[in-house]
Amino acid sequence: MDIAGSVIEITPTQQVSDRFSKRELVIQYIKDNPEYPELIKFECHQDRTELLDSFKVGQTVRVFFDLRGRKWDAPDGATKYFNTLVAWRIVESSESGQDAPDTQQPLPPETAEDWIPF
């Protein structure tokens, strides 16, 4: 998956444990609803934290990412679910997210001959 937008924030690298580090990137995405822009947070893990070194606030970027989810059982017995957008490639872009082209190809119009009853 990928999305384009303007960089709002880049956090310093956080050393979460002796074997895990992460860094966060927040972009502003306005394609779907310009009146109410979306602020989307991505994480870069381990050696990919260096991807953010060459970018700055206000720059337009295209972020390629994986969507990850996990389940966590809290000590009180409640189950919680978390989603994370993990960036694996970031490039400078001329697209702002406002006029970004849709990457899906349009489907041809359906005809009666296309319909199969089973």
Protein backbone atom coordinates (compact mmCIF):
# COMPACT_ATOMS: atom_id res chain seq x y z
CA MET A 1 0.00 0.00 0.00
CA ASP A 2 1.06 3.58 -0.45
CA ILE A 3 -0.22 7.07 0.23
CA ALA A 4 1.01 10.61 -0.44
CA GLY A 5 0.84 13.60 1.87
CA SER A 6 2.71 16.43 3.56
CA VAL A 7 5.06 15.72 6.46
CA ILE A 8 3.65 17.13 9.71
CA GLU A 9 6.07 15.57 12.21
CA ILE A 10 9.10 13.29 12.41
CA THR A 11 9.97 12.04 15.88
CA PRO A 12 13.44 11.16 17.17
CA THR A 13 14.38 7.48 17.24
CA GLN A 14 13.07 5.71 20.34
CA GLN A 15 15.06 2.79 21.72
CA VAL A 16 12.14 0.69 22.99
CA SER A 17 14.34 -2.21 24.11
CA ASP A 18 17.91 -3.35 23.56
CA ARG A 19 16.75 -5.11 20.36
CA PHE A 20 14.00 -2.81 19.08
CA SER A 21 13.95 0.84 17.96
CA LYS A 22 11.29 2.86 16.18
CA ARG A 23 10.67 6.29 14.76
CA GLU A 24 7.35 7.88 13.83
CA LEU A 25 6.25 9.91 10.83
CA VAL A 26 2.97 11.84 10.66
CA ILE A 27 1.63 13.01 7.32
CA GLN A 28 -1.39 15.09 6.38
CA TYR A 29 -3.59 13.36 3.82
CA ILE A 30 -6.31 15.45 2.19
CA LYS A 31 -7.44 13.60 -0.94
CA ASP A 32 -10.72 12.17 0.31
CA ASN A 33 -11.98 15.20 2.24
CA PRO A 34 -10.06 18.49 1.82
CA GLU A 35 -12.14 20.23 4.51
CA TYR A 36 -11.09 17.69 7.14
CA PRO A 37 -7.55 16.47 6.47
CA GLU A 38 -6.46 13.19 8.00
CA LEU A 39 -3.29 13.00 10.09
CA ILE A 40 -1.83 9.55 9.61
CA LYS A 41 0.97 8.14 11.78
CA PHE A 42 3.48 5.60 10.45
CA GLU A 43 6.24 3.75 12.25
CA CYS A 44 9.70 2.91 10.93
CA HIS A 45 11.42 0.03 12.76
CA GLN A 46 15.04 -0.91 13.32
CA ASP A 47 17.36 0.14 10.46
CA ARG A 48 14.44 1.73 8.60
CA THR A 49 14.41 4.59 11.14
CA GLU A 50 17.17 6.09 8.98
CA LEU A 51 14.69 6.48 6.10
CA LEU A 52 13.40 9.63 7.78
CA ASP A 53 16.80 11.37 8.01
CA SER A 54 16.48 13.03 4.61
CA PHE A 55 12.94 14.42 5.06
CA LYS A 56 11.63 17.52 6.82
CA VAL A 57 8.34 19.02 7.93
CA GLY A 58 6.32 20.47 5.04
CA GLN A 59 7.85 18.19 2.41
CA THR A 60 5.50 16.09 0.26
CA VAL A 61 6.25 12.36 0.42
CA ARG A 62 4.86 9.05 -0.75
CA VAL A 63 4.92 6.40 1.97
CA PHE A 64 4.88 2.69 1.12
CA PHE A 65 3.71 0.68 4.11
CA ASP A 66 2.33 -2.55 5.53
CA LEU A 67 -0.76 -2.70 7.72
CA ARG A 68 -0.21 -4.80 10.84
CA GLY A 69 -2.57 -5.74 13.63
CA ARG A 70 -2.29 -7.61 16.88
CA LYS A 71 -4.33 -8.74 19.86
CA TRP A 72 -3.40 -8.02 23.48
CA ASP A 73 -5.02 -9.53 26.56
CA ALA A 74 -4.85 -7.02 29.41
CA PRO A 75 -4.23 -8.17 32.99
CA ASP A 76 -7.84 -7.25 33.85
CA GLY A 77 -9.04 -9.77 31.24
CA ALA A 78 -10.05 -7.22 28.59
CA THR A 79 -8.98 -7.95 25.04
CA LYS A 80 -7.65 -5.08 22.95
CA TYR A 81 -6.68 -4.88 19.31
CA PHE A 82 -4.02 -2.59 17.84
CA ASN A 83 -3.23 -1.55 14.27
CA THR A 84 0.11 -0.21 13.09
CA LEU A 85 1.13 1.26 9.75
CA VAL A 86 4.75 0.22 9.23
CA ALA A 87 6.60 2.24 6.59
CA TRP A 88 9.21 0.38 4.55
CA ARG A 89 9.92 2.96 1.83
CA ILE A 90 9.52 6.74 1.70
CA VAL A 91 10.18 8.89 -1.37
CA GLU A 92 9.80 12.56 -2.19
CA SER A 93 6.64 13.14 -4.20
CA SER A 94 5.03 15.88 -6.22
CA GLU A 95 1.62 14.57 -5.13
CA SER A 96 0.14 16.13 -2.02
CA GLY A 97 -2.48 13.49 -1.35
CA GLN A 98 -5.05 15.97 -2.66
CA ASP A 99 -4.60 15.22 -6.34
CA ALA A 100 -2.96 11.83 -6.01
CA PRO A 101 -4.13 9.49 -8.74
CA ASP A 102 -6.13 6.46 -7.78
CA THR A 103 -3.86 3.44 -8.21
CA GLN A 104 -6.73 1.06 -8.92
CA GLN A 105 -7.66 0.50 -12.53
CA PRO A 106 -11.32 1.23 -13.30
CA LEU A 107 -13.44 -1.79 -14.08
CA PRO A 108 -15.06 -2.01 -17.51
CA PRO A 109 -18.84 -1.56 -17.54
CA GLU A 110 -20.70 -4.75 -16.73
CA THR A 111 -22.83 -6.24 -19.46
CA ALA A 112 -25.52 -8.92 -19.37
CA GLU A 113 -23.05 -11.31 -21.01
CA ASP A 114 -20.72 -10.96 -17.99
CA TRP A 115 -23.32 -12.22 -15.54
CA ILE A 116 -22.98 -15.89 -14.63
CA PRO A 117 -25.75 -17.35 -12.46
CA PHE A 118 -23.55 -19.78 -10.51
